[in-house]
């Protein structure tokens, strides 16, 4: 299992988080639900500072970039994420329900 975290540090020249939130249409979510090996994608916003990003949990290898849906956040912001970090998961613990 792999985790990828990507985010932008937004400034006054970037779209605000409300505008970015508006791009999360059903169509966008449906496109990501079809991506092989993607267990979950969480879109993230920080209330303390203007940050926007996503956390993706991959069951196994991430498909090559050309097979992924378009990065509409990067298109709207006008650049790739300021930060992109990947981790391998060593152990998983789940809360009992």
PDB file of N, CA and C in Angstrom:
ATOM      1  N   UNK A   1       0.849  -1.164   0.000  1.00  0.00           N
ATOM      2  CA  UNK A   1       0.000   0.000   0.000  1.00  0.00           C
ATOM      3  C   UNK A   1       0.901   1.236   0.000  1.00  0.00           C
ATOM      4  N   UNK A   2       0.466   2.249  -0.747  1.00  0.00           N
ATOM      5  CA  UNK A   2       1.229   3.491  -0.860  1.00  0.00           C
ATOM      6  C   UNK A   2       0.294   4.670  -0.594  1.00  0.00           C
ATOM      7  N   UNK A   3       0.858   5.728  -0.049  1.00  0.00           N
ATOM      8  CA  UNK A   3       0.116   6.965   0.183  1.00  0.00           C
ATOM      9  C   UNK A   3       0.838   8.094  -0.523  1.00  0.00           C
ATOM     10  N   UNK A   4       0.069   8.934  -1.171  1.00  0.00           N
ATOM     11  CA  UNK A   4       0.633  10.121  -1.816  1.00  0.00           C
ATOM     12  C   UNK A   4      -0.137  11.340  -1.319  1.00  0.00           C
ATOM     13  N   UNK A   5       0.593  12.340  -0.887  1.00  0.00           N
ATOM     14  CA  UNK A   5       0.017  13.582  -0.397  1.00  0.00           C
ATOM     15  C   UNK A   5       0.550  14.709  -1.266  1.00  0.00           C
ATOM     16  N   UNK A   6      -0.354  15.498  -1.825  1.00  0.00           N
ATOM     17  CA  UNK A   6       0.042  16.613  -2.690  1.00  0.00           C
ATOM     18  C   UNK A   6      -0.765  17.840  -2.286  1.00  0.00           C
ATOM     19  N   UNK A   7      -0.094  19.013  -2.233  1.00  0.00           N
ATOM     20  CA  UNK A   7      -0.836  20.222  -1.900  1.00  0.00           C
ATOM     21  C   UNK A   7      -0.159  21.473  -2.434  1.00  0.00           C
ATOM     22  N   UNK A   8      -0.980  22.497  -2.520  1.00  0.00           N
ATOM     23  CA  UNK A   8      -0.545  23.832  -2.937  1.00  0.00           C
ATOM     24  C   UNK A   8      -0.616  24.755  -1.739  1.00  0.00           C
ATOM     25  N   UNK A   9       0.373  25.624  -1.603  1.00  0.00           N
ATOM     26  CA  UNK A   9       0.323  26.751  -0.676  1.00  0.00           C
ATOM     27  C   UNK A   9      -0.223  27.915  -1.502  1.00  0.00           C
ATOM     28  N   UNK A  10      -1.468  28.267  -1.280  1.00  0.00           N
ATOM     29  CA  UNK A  10      -2.133  29.270  -2.107  1.00  0.00           C
ATOM     30  C   UNK A  10      -1.757  30.683  -1.667  1.00  0.00           C
ATOM     31  N   UNK A  11      -1.672  31.574  -2.640  1.00  0.00           N
ATOM     32  CA  UNK A  11      -1.439  32.987  -2.320  1.00  0.00           C
ATOM     33  C   UNK A  11      -2.537  33.832  -2.951  1.00  0.00           C
ATOM     34  N   UNK A  12      -2.428  35.131  -2.843  1.00  0.00           N
ATOM     35  CA  UNK A  12      -3.499  36.024  -3.314  1.00  0.00           C
ATOM     36  C   UNK A  12      -3.730  35.955  -4.828  1.00  0.00           C
ATOM     37  N   UNK A  13      -2.774  35.413  -5.582  1.00  0.00           N
ATOM     38  CA  UNK A  13      -2.932  35.280  -7.030  1.00  0.00           C
ATOM     39  C   UNK A  13      -3.619  33.976  -7.440  1.00  0.00           C
ATOM     40  N   UNK A  14      -3.812  33.068  -6.495  1.00  0.00           N
ATOM     41  CA  UNK A  14      -4.426  31.770  -6.764  1.00  0.00           C
ATOM     42  C   UNK A  14      -5.927  31.819  -6.492  1.00  0.00           C
ATOM     43  N   UNK A  15      -6.679  30.876  -7.071  1.00  0.00           N
ATOM     44  CA  UNK A  15      -8.104  30.783  -6.724  1.00  0.00           C
ATOM     45  C   UNK A  15      -8.242  30.495  -5.229  1.00  0.00           C
ATOM     46  N   UNK A  16      -9.323  30.962  -4.630  1.00  0.00           N
ATOM     47  CA  UNK A  16      -9.516  30.674  -3.207  1.00  0.00           C
ATOM     48  C   UNK A  16     -10.080  29.263  -3.036  1.00  0.00           C
ATOM     49  N   UNK A  17     -10.091  28.807  -1.802  1.00  0.00           N
ATOM     50  CA  UNK A  17     -10.513  27.425  -1.544  1.00  0.00           C
ATOM     51  C   UNK A  17     -11.986  27.205  -1.885  1.00  0.00           C
ATOM     52  N   UNK A  18     -12.818  28.226  -1.792  1.00  0.00           N
ATOM     53  CA  UNK A  18     -14.228  28.074  -2.171  1.00  0.00           C
ATOM     54  C   UNK A  18     -14.343  27.787  -3.673  1.00  0.00           C
ATOM     55  N   UNK A  19     -13.569  28.502  -4.477  1.00  0.00           N
ATOM     56  CA  UNK A  19     -13.588  28.263  -5.927  1.00  0.00           C
ATOM     57  C   UNK A  19     -13.063  26.868  -6.242  1.00  0.00           C
ATOM     58  N   UNK A  20     -12.022  26.450  -5.543  1.00  0.00           N
ATOM     59  CA  UNK A  20     -11.456  25.121  -5.781  1.00  0.00           C
ATOM     60  C   UNK A  20     -12.442  24.029  -5.363  1.00  0.00           C
ATOM     61  N   UNK A  21     -13.142  24.242  -4.277  1.00  0.00           N
ATOM     62  CA  UNK A  21     -14.130  23.266  -3.823  1.00  0.00           C
ATOM     63  C   UNK A  21     -15.225  23.074  -4.868  1.00  0.00           C
ATOM     64  N   UNK A  22     -15.543  24.123  -5.598  1.00  0.00           N
ATOM     65  CA  UNK A  22     -16.619  24.043  -6.586  1.00  0.00           C
ATOM     66  C   UNK A  22     -16.287  23.113  -7.758  1.00  0.00           C
ATOM     67  N   UNK A  23     -15.012  22.769  -7.946  1.00  0.00           N
ATOM     68  CA  UNK A  23     -14.640  21.890  -9.059  1.00  0.00           C
ATOM     69  C   UNK A  23     -14.849  20.412  -8.744  1.00  0.00           C
ATOM     70  N   UNK A  24     -15.171  20.096  -7.507  1.00  0.00           N
ATOM     71  CA  UNK A  24     -15.340  18.687  -7.117  1.00  0.00           C
ATOM     72  C   UNK A  24     -16.736  18.194  -7.487  1.00  0.00           C
ATOM     73  N   UNK A  25     -16.997  18.161  -8.760  1.00  0.00           N
ATOM     74  CA  UNK A  25     -18.296  17.725  -9.263  1.00  0.00           C
ATOM     75  C   UNK A  25     -18.409  16.203  -9.194  1.00  0.00           C
ATOM     76  N   UNK A  26     -19.607  15.722  -9.362  1.00  0.00           N
ATOM     77  CA  UNK A  26     -19.839  14.269  -9.389  1.00  0.00           C
ATOM     78  C   UNK A  26     -19.014  13.632 -10.502  1.00  0.00           C
ATOM     79  N   UNK A  27     -18.900  14.302 -11.636  1.00  0.00           N
ATOM     80  CA  UNK A  27     -18.131  13.772 -12.762  1.00  0.00           C
ATOM     81  C   UNK A  27     -16.666  13.587 -12.377  1.00  0.00           C
ATOM     82  N   UNK A  28     -16.089  14.565 -11.702  1.00  0.00           N
ATOM     83  CA  UNK A  28     -14.685  14.464 -11.281  1.00  0.00           C
ATOM     84  C   UNK A  28     -14.517  13.304 -10.315  1.00  0.00           C
ATOM     85  N   UNK A  29     -15.398  13.194  -9.344  1.00  0.00           N
ATOM     86  CA  UNK A  29     -15.297  12.099  -8.375  1.00  0.00           C
ATOM     87  C   UNK A  29     -15.482  10.748  -9.060  1.00  0.00           C
ATOM     88  N   UNK A  30     -16.424  10.664 -10.007  1.00  0.00           N
ATOM     89  CA  UNK A  30     -16.642   9.415 -10.748  1.00  0.00           C
ATOM     90  C   UNK A  30     -15.393   9.008 -11.535  1.00  0.00           C
ATOM     91  N   UNK A  31     -14.735   9.971 -12.160  1.00  0.00           N
ATOM     92  CA  UNK A  31     -13.512   9.663 -12.914  1.00  0.00           C
ATOM     93  C   UNK A  31     -12.452   9.051 -12.006  1.00  0.00           C
ATOM     94  N   UNK A  32     -12.270   9.599 -10.814  1.00  0.00           N
ATOM     95  CA  UNK A  32     -11.262   9.065  -9.892  1.00  0.00           C
ATOM     96  C   UNK A  32     -11.667   7.712  -9.326  1.00  0.00           C
ATOM     97  N   UNK A  33     -12.964   7.459  -9.190  1.00  0.00           N
ATOM     98  CA  UNK A  33     -13.421   6.163  -8.693  1.00  0.00           C
ATOM     99  C   UNK A  33     -13.076   5.033  -9.658  1.00  0.00           C
ATOM    100  N   UNK A  34     -12.832   5.343 -10.917  1.00  0.00           N
ATOM    101  CA  UNK A  34     -12.514   4.340 -11.936  1.00  0.00           C
ATOM    102  C   UNK A  34     -11.014   4.052 -12.058  1.00  0.00           C
ATOM    103  N   UNK A  35     -10.178   4.756 -11.326  1.00  0.00           N
ATOM    104  CA  UNK A  35      -8.723   4.601 -11.458  1.00  0.00           C
ATOM    105  C   UNK A  35      -8.286   3.285 -10.810  1.00  0.00           C
ATOM    106  N   UNK A  36      -7.586   2.436 -11.566  1.00  0.00           N
ATOM    107  CA  UNK A  36      -7.106   1.167 -11.015  1.00  0.00           C
ATOM    108  C   UNK A  36      -6.148   1.398  -9.834  1.00  0.00           C
ATOM    109  N   UNK A  37      -6.257   0.553  -8.844  1.00  0.00           N
ATOM    110  CA  UNK A  37      -5.387   0.523  -7.661  1.00  0.00           C
ATOM    111  C   UNK A  37      -5.636   1.661  -6.666  1.00  0.00           C
ATOM    112  N   UNK A  38      -6.516   2.605  -6.982  1.00  0.00           N
ATOM    113  CA  UNK A  38      -6.798   3.697  -6.056  1.00  0.00           C
ATOM    114  C   UNK A  38      -7.855   3.237  -5.057  1.00  0.00           C
ATOM    115  N   UNK A  39      -7.468   3.165  -3.791  1.00  0.00           N
ATOM    116  CA  UNK A  39      -8.405   2.757  -2.749  1.00  0.00           C
ATOM    117  C   UNK A  39      -9.297   3.924  -2.334  1.00  0.00           C
ATOM    118  N   UNK A  40      -8.679   5.102  -2.170  1.00  0.00           N
ATOM    119  CA  UNK A  40      -9.435   6.288  -1.759  1.00  0.00           C
ATOM    120  C   UNK A  40      -8.653   7.538  -2.150  1.00  0.00           C
ATOM    121  N   UNK A  41      -9.389   8.576  -2.508  1.00  0.00           N
ATOM    122  CA  UNK A  41      -8.801   9.892  -2.720  1.00  0.00           C
ATOM    123  C   UNK A  41      -9.592  10.865  -1.868  1.00  0.00           C
ATOM    124  N   UNK A  42      -8.873  11.629  -1.054  1.00  0.00           N
ATOM    125  CA  UNK A  42      -9.484  12.634  -0.195  1.00  0.00           C
ATOM    126  C   UNK A  42      -8.984  14.003  -0.638  1.00  0.00           C
ATOM    127  N   UNK A  43      -9.898  14.904  -0.980  1.00  0.00           N
ATOM    128  CA  UNK A  43      -9.500  16.274  -1.288  1.00  0.00           C
ATOM    129  C   UNK A  43      -9.442  17.029   0.025  1.00  0.00           C
ATOM    130  N   UNK A  44      -8.421  17.853   0.198  1.00  0.00           N
ATOM    131  CA  UNK A  44      -8.147  18.486   1.482  1.00  0.00           C
ATOM    132  C   UNK A  44      -8.094  20.005   1.364  1.00  0.00           C
ATOM    133  N   UNK A  45      -8.547  20.665   2.404  1.00  0.00           N
ATOM    134  CA  UNK A  45      -8.439  22.115   2.495  1.00  0.00           C
ATOM    135  C   UNK A  45      -8.055  22.440   3.939  1.00  0.00           C
ATOM    136  N   UNK A  46      -7.214  23.432   4.111  1.00  0.00           N
ATOM    137  CA  UNK A  46      -6.798  23.851   5.442  1.00  0.00           C
ATOM    138  C   UNK A  46      -7.535  25.125   5.819  1.00  0.00           C
ATOM    139  N   UNK A  47      -8.161  25.117   6.974  1.00  0.00           N
ATOM    140  CA  UNK A  47      -8.847  26.312   7.453  1.00  0.00           C
ATOM    141  C   UNK A  47      -7.899  27.318   8.083  1.00  0.00           C
ATOM    142  N   UNK A  48      -6.735  26.866   8.529  1.00  0.00           N
ATOM    143  CA  UNK A  48      -5.776  27.743   9.199  1.00  0.00           C
ATOM    144  C   UNK A  48      -4.926  28.555   8.238  1.00  0.00           C
ATOM    145  N   UNK A  49      -4.625  27.976   7.109  1.00  0.00           N
ATOM    146  CA  UNK A  49      -3.817  28.669   6.109  1.00  0.00           C
ATOM    147  C   UNK A  49      -4.353  28.270   4.739  1.00  0.00           C
ATOM    148  N   UNK A  50      -4.128  29.092   3.744  1.00  0.00           N
ATOM    149  CA  UNK A  50      -4.703  28.757   2.437  1.00  0.00           C
ATOM    150  C   UNK A  50      -3.933  27.636   1.739  1.00  0.00           C
ATOM    151  N   UNK A  51      -4.364  26.414   2.007  1.00  0.00           N
ATOM    152  CA  UNK A  51      -3.781  25.233   1.363  1.00  0.00           C
ATOM    153  C   UNK A  51      -4.896  24.405   0.753  1.00  0.00           C
ATOM    154  N   UNK A  52      -4.561  23.756  -0.347  1.00  0.00           N
ATOM    155  CA  UNK A  52      -5.501  22.898  -1.063  1.00  0.00           C
ATOM    156  C   UNK A  52      -4.721  21.694  -1.550  1.00  0.00           C
ATOM    157  N   UNK A  53      -5.289  20.510  -1.433  1.00  0.00           N
ATOM    158  CA  UNK A  53      -4.570  19.343  -1.917  1.00  0.00           C
ATOM    159  C   UNK A  53      -5.396  18.082  -1.876  1.00  0.00           C
ATOM    160  N   UNK A  54      -4.684  16.954  -1.920  1.00  0.00           N
ATOM    161  CA  UNK A  54      -5.347  15.655  -1.916  1.00  0.00           C
ATOM    162  C   UNK A  54      -4.439  14.607  -1.296  1.00  0.00           C
ATOM    163  N   UNK A  55      -5.073  13.617  -0.700  1.00  0.00           N
ATOM    164  CA  UNK A  55      -4.397  12.442  -0.168  1.00  0.00           C
ATOM    165  C   UNK A  55      -4.942  11.254  -0.939  1.00  0.00           C
ATOM    166  N   UNK A  56      -4.054  10.467  -1.513  1.00  0.00           N
ATOM    167  CA  UNK A  56      -4.466   9.292  -2.279  1.00  0.00           C
ATOM    168  C   UNK A  56      -3.846   8.052  -1.649  1.00  0.00           C
ATOM    169  N   UNK A  57      -4.649   7.032  -1.472  1.00  0.00           N
ATOM    170  CA  UNK A  57      -4.165   5.771  -0.930  1.00  0.00           C
ATOM    171  C   UNK A  57      -4.261   4.741  -2.054  1.00  0.00           C
ATOM    172  N   UNK A  58      -3.107   4.197  -2.391  1.00  0.00           N
ATOM    173  CA  UNK A  58      -2.998   3.241  -3.501  1.00  0.00           C
ATOM    174  C   UNK A  58      -2.836   1.835  -2.952  1.00  0.00           C
ATOM    175  N   UNK A  59      -3.619   0.913  -3.477  1.00  0.00           N
ATOM    176  CA  UNK A  59      -3.545  -0.494  -3.083  1.00  0.00           C
ATOM    177  C   UNK A  59      -2.209  -1.103  -3.511  1.00  0.00           C
ATOM    178  N   UNK A  60      -1.753  -0.719  -4.678  1.00  0.00           N
ATOM    179  CA  UNK A  60      -0.461  -1.166  -5.204  1.00  0.00           C
ATOM    180  C   UNK A  60       0.083  -0.021  -6.059  1.00  0.00           C
ATOM    181  N   UNK A  61       0.814  -0.318  -7.080  1.00  0.00           N
ATOM    182  CA  UNK A  61       1.458   0.735  -7.865  1.00  0.00           C
ATOM    183  C   UNK A  61       0.460   1.722  -8.463  1.00  0.00           C
ATOM    184  N   UNK A  62       0.848   2.975  -8.445  1.00  0.00           N
ATOM    185  CA  UNK A  62       0.069   4.043  -9.061  1.00  0.00           C
ATOM    186  C   UNK A  62       0.198   3.919 -10.583  1.00  0.00           C
ATOM    187  N   UNK A  63      -0.911   4.025 -11.313  1.00  0.00           N
ATOM    188  CA  UNK A  63      -0.817   3.971 -12.779  1.00  0.00           C
ATOM    189  C   UNK A  63       0.021   5.142 -13.306  1.00  0.00           C
ATOM    190  N   UNK A  64       0.527   4.983 -14.521  1.00  0.00           N
ATOM    191  CA  UNK A  64       1.300   6.077 -15.095  1.00  0.00           C
ATOM    192  C   UNK A  64       0.395   7.291 -15.280  1.00  0.00           C
ATOM    193  N   UNK A  65       1.003   8.460 -15.243  1.00  0.00           N
ATOM    194  CA  UNK A  65       0.277   9.738 -15.238  1.00  0.00           C
ATOM    195  C   UNK A  65      -0.726   9.864 -16.397  1.00  0.00           C
ATOM    196  N   UNK A  66      -0.377   9.358 -17.567  1.00  0.00           N
ATOM    197  CA  UNK A  66      -1.264   9.484 -18.728  1.00  0.00           C
ATOM    198  C   UNK A  66      -2.572   8.713 -18.558  1.00  0.00           C
ATOM    199  N   UNK A  67      -2.602   7.741 -17.632  1.00  0.00           N
ATOM    200  CA  UNK A  67      -3.811   6.946 -17.404  1.00  0.00           C
ATOM    201  C   UNK A  67      -4.682   7.510 -16.277  1.00  0.00           C
ATOM    202  N   UNK A  68      -4.245   8.617 -15.679  1.00  0.00           N
ATOM    203  CA  UNK A  68      -5.000   9.242 -14.597  1.00  0.00           C
ATOM    204  C   UNK A  68      -5.920  10.326 -15.150  1.00  0.00           C
ATOM    205  N   UNK A  69      -7.014  10.616 -14.437  1.00  0.00           N
ATOM    206  CA  UNK A  69      -7.849  11.740 -14.851  1.00  0.00           C
ATOM    207  C   UNK A  69      -7.036  13.039 -14.832  1.00  0.00           C
ATOM    208  N   UNK A  70      -7.520  14.001 -15.564  1.00  0.00           N
ATOM    209  CA  UNK A  70      -6.871  15.308 -15.621  1.00  0.00           C
ATOM    210  C   UNK A  70      -6.801  15.922 -14.223  1.00  0.00           C
ATOM    211  N   UNK A  71      -5.688  16.571 -13.925  1.00  0.00           N
ATOM    212  CA  UNK A  71      -5.534  17.252 -12.635  1.00  0.00           C
ATOM    213  C   UNK A  71      -6.178  18.632 -12.751  1.00  0.00           C
ATOM    214  N   UNK A  72      -7.479  18.683 -12.459  1.00  0.00           N
ATOM    215  CA  UNK A  72      -8.200  19.941 -12.648  1.00  0.00           C
ATOM    216  C   UNK A  72      -7.762  21.007 -11.651  1.00  0.00           C
ATOM    217  N   UNK A  73      -7.268  20.598 -10.499  1.00  0.00           N
ATOM    218  CA  UNK A  73      -6.754  21.583  -9.547  1.00  0.00           C
ATOM    219  C   UNK A  73      -5.529  22.282 -10.130  1.00  0.00           C
ATOM    220  N   UNK A  74      -4.614  21.510 -10.707  1.00  0.00           N
ATOM    221  CA  UNK A  74      -3.410  22.103 -11.309  1.00  0.00           C
ATOM    222  C   UNK A  74      -3.791  23.034 -12.457  1.00  0.00           C
ATOM    223  N   UNK A  75      -4.785  22.646 -13.243  1.00  0.00           N
ATOM    224  CA  UNK A  75      -5.229  23.516 -14.341  1.00  0.00           C
ATOM    225  C   UNK A  75      -5.801  24.820 -13.809  1.00  0.00           C
ATOM    226  N   UNK A  76      -6.614  24.726 -12.763  1.00  0.00           N
ATOM    227  CA  UNK A  76      -7.256  25.916 -12.222  1.00  0.00           C
ATOM    228  C   UNK A  76      -6.246  26.832 -11.519  1.00  0.00           C
ATOM    229  N   UNK A  77      -5.304  26.230 -10.795  1.00  0.00           N
ATOM    230  CA  UNK A  77      -4.305  27.013 -10.064  1.00  0.00           C
ATOM    231  C   UNK A  77      -3.204  27.504 -10.998  1.00  0.00           C
ATOM    232  N   UNK A  78      -2.940  26.736 -12.047  1.00  0.00           N
ATOM    233  CA  UNK A  78      -1.957  27.159 -13.033  1.00  0.00           C
ATOM    234  C   UNK A  78      -0.561  26.611 -12.820  1.00  0.00           C
ATOM    235  N   UNK A  79      -0.444  25.626 -11.942  1.00  0.00           N
ATOM    236  CA  UNK A  79       0.859  24.995 -11.703  1.00  0.00           C
ATOM    237  C   UNK A  79       0.645  23.648 -11.007  1.00  0.00           C
ATOM    238  N   UNK A  80       1.667  22.828 -11.039  1.00  0.00           N
ATOM    239  CA  UNK A  80       1.645  21.559 -10.325  1.00  0.00           C
ATOM    240  C   UNK A  80       1.709  21.833  -8.820  1.00  0.00           C
ATOM    241  N   UNK A  81       1.361  20.849  -7.981  1.00  0.00           N
ATOM    242  CA  UNK A  81       1.405  21.068  -6.533  1.00  0.00           C
ATOM    243  C   UNK A  81       2.772  21.553  -6.059  1.00  0.00           C
ATOM    244  N   UNK A  82       2.746  22.386  -5.037  1.00  0.00           N
ATOM    245  CA  UNK A  82       3.988  22.876  -4.442  1.00  0.00           C
ATOM    246  C   UNK A  82       4.714  21.774  -3.689  1.00  0.00           C
ATOM    247  N   UNK A  83       3.959  20.800  -3.210  1.00  0.00           N
ATOM    248  CA  UNK A  83       4.524  19.693  -2.433  1.00  0.00           C
ATOM    249  C   UNK A  83       3.878  18.392  -2.889  1.00  0.00           C
ATOM    250  N   UNK A  84       4.685  17.371  -3.036  1.00  0.00           N
ATOM    251  CA  UNK A  84       4.178  16.024  -3.348  1.00  0.00           C
ATOM    252  C   UNK A  84       5.088  15.047  -2.609  1.00  0.00           C
ATOM    253  N   UNK A  85       4.482  14.283  -1.707  1.00  0.00           N
ATOM    254  CA  UNK A  85       5.241  13.350  -0.872  1.00  0.00           C
ATOM    255  C   UNK A  85       4.583  11.982  -0.989  1.00  0.00           C
ATOM    256  N   UNK A  86       5.400  10.948  -1.111  1.00  0.00           N
ATOM    257  CA  UNK A  86       4.887   9.580  -1.193  1.00  0.00           C
ATOM    258  C   UNK A  86       5.461   8.752  -0.051  1.00  0.00           C
ATOM    259  N   UNK A  87       4.646   7.849   0.447  1.00  0.00           N
ATOM    260  CA  UNK A  87       5.034   6.962   1.538  1.00  0.00           C
ATOM    261  C   UNK A  87       4.621   5.541   1.206  1.00  0.00           C
ATOM    262  N   UNK A  88       5.374   4.569   1.691  1.00  0.00           N
ATOM    263  CA  UNK A  88       4.942   3.179   1.706  1.00  0.00           C
ATOM    264  C   UNK A  88       4.332   2.928   3.076  1.00  0.00           C
ATOM    265  N   UNK A  89       3.217   2.228   3.115  1.00  0.00           N
ATOM    266  CA  UNK A  89       2.552   1.919   4.383  1.00  0.00           C
ATOM    267  C   UNK A  89       3.192   0.665   4.964  1.00  0.00           C
ATOM    268  N   UNK A  90       3.617   0.751   6.209  1.00  0.00           N
ATOM    269  CA  UNK A  90       4.246  -0.382   6.877  1.00  0.00           C
ATOM    270  C   UNK A  90       3.236  -1.247   7.618  1.00  0.00           C
ATOM    271  N   UNK A  91       2.230  -0.591   8.200  1.00  0.00           N
ATOM    272  CA  UNK A  91       1.234  -1.336   8.978  1.00  0.00           C
ATOM    273  C   UNK A  91      -0.065  -0.537   8.979  1.00  0.00           C
ATOM    274  N   UNK A  92      -1.163  -1.247   9.019  1.00  0.00           N
ATOM    275  CA  UNK A  92      -2.487  -0.620   9.037  1.00  0.00           C
ATOM    276  C   UNK A  92      -3.235  -1.075  10.290  1.00  0.00           C
ATOM    277  N   UNK A  93      -3.784  -0.153  11.022  1.00  0.00           N
ATOM    278  CA  UNK A  93      -4.627  -0.468  12.171  1.00  0.00           C
ATOM    279  C   UNK A  93      -5.978   0.198  11.939  1.00  0.00           C
ATOM    280  N   UNK A  94      -7.034  -0.557  12.119  1.00  0.00           N
ATOM    281  CA  UNK A  94      -8.377  -0.003  11.923  1.00  0.00           C
ATOM    282  C   UNK A  94      -9.125   0.007  13.243  1.00  0.00           C
ATOM    283  N   UNK A  95      -9.915   1.005  13.404  1.00  0.00           N
ATOM    284  CA  UNK A  95     -10.757   1.143  14.589  1.00  0.00           C
ATOM    285  C   UNK A  95     -11.869   0.112  14.527  1.00  0.00           C
ATOM    286  N   UNK A  96     -12.115  -0.549  15.634  1.00  0.00           N
ATOM    287  CA  UNK A  96     -13.208  -1.509  15.706  1.00  0.00           C
ATOM    288  C   UNK A  96     -14.535  -0.754  15.667  1.00  0.00           C
ATOM    289  N   UNK A  97     -15.519  -1.310  14.974  1.00  0.00           N
ATOM    290  CA  UNK A  97     -16.830  -0.636  14.876  1.00  0.00           C
ATOM    291  C   UNK A  97     -17.853  -1.321  15.710  1.00  0.00           C
TER     292      UNK A  97
END
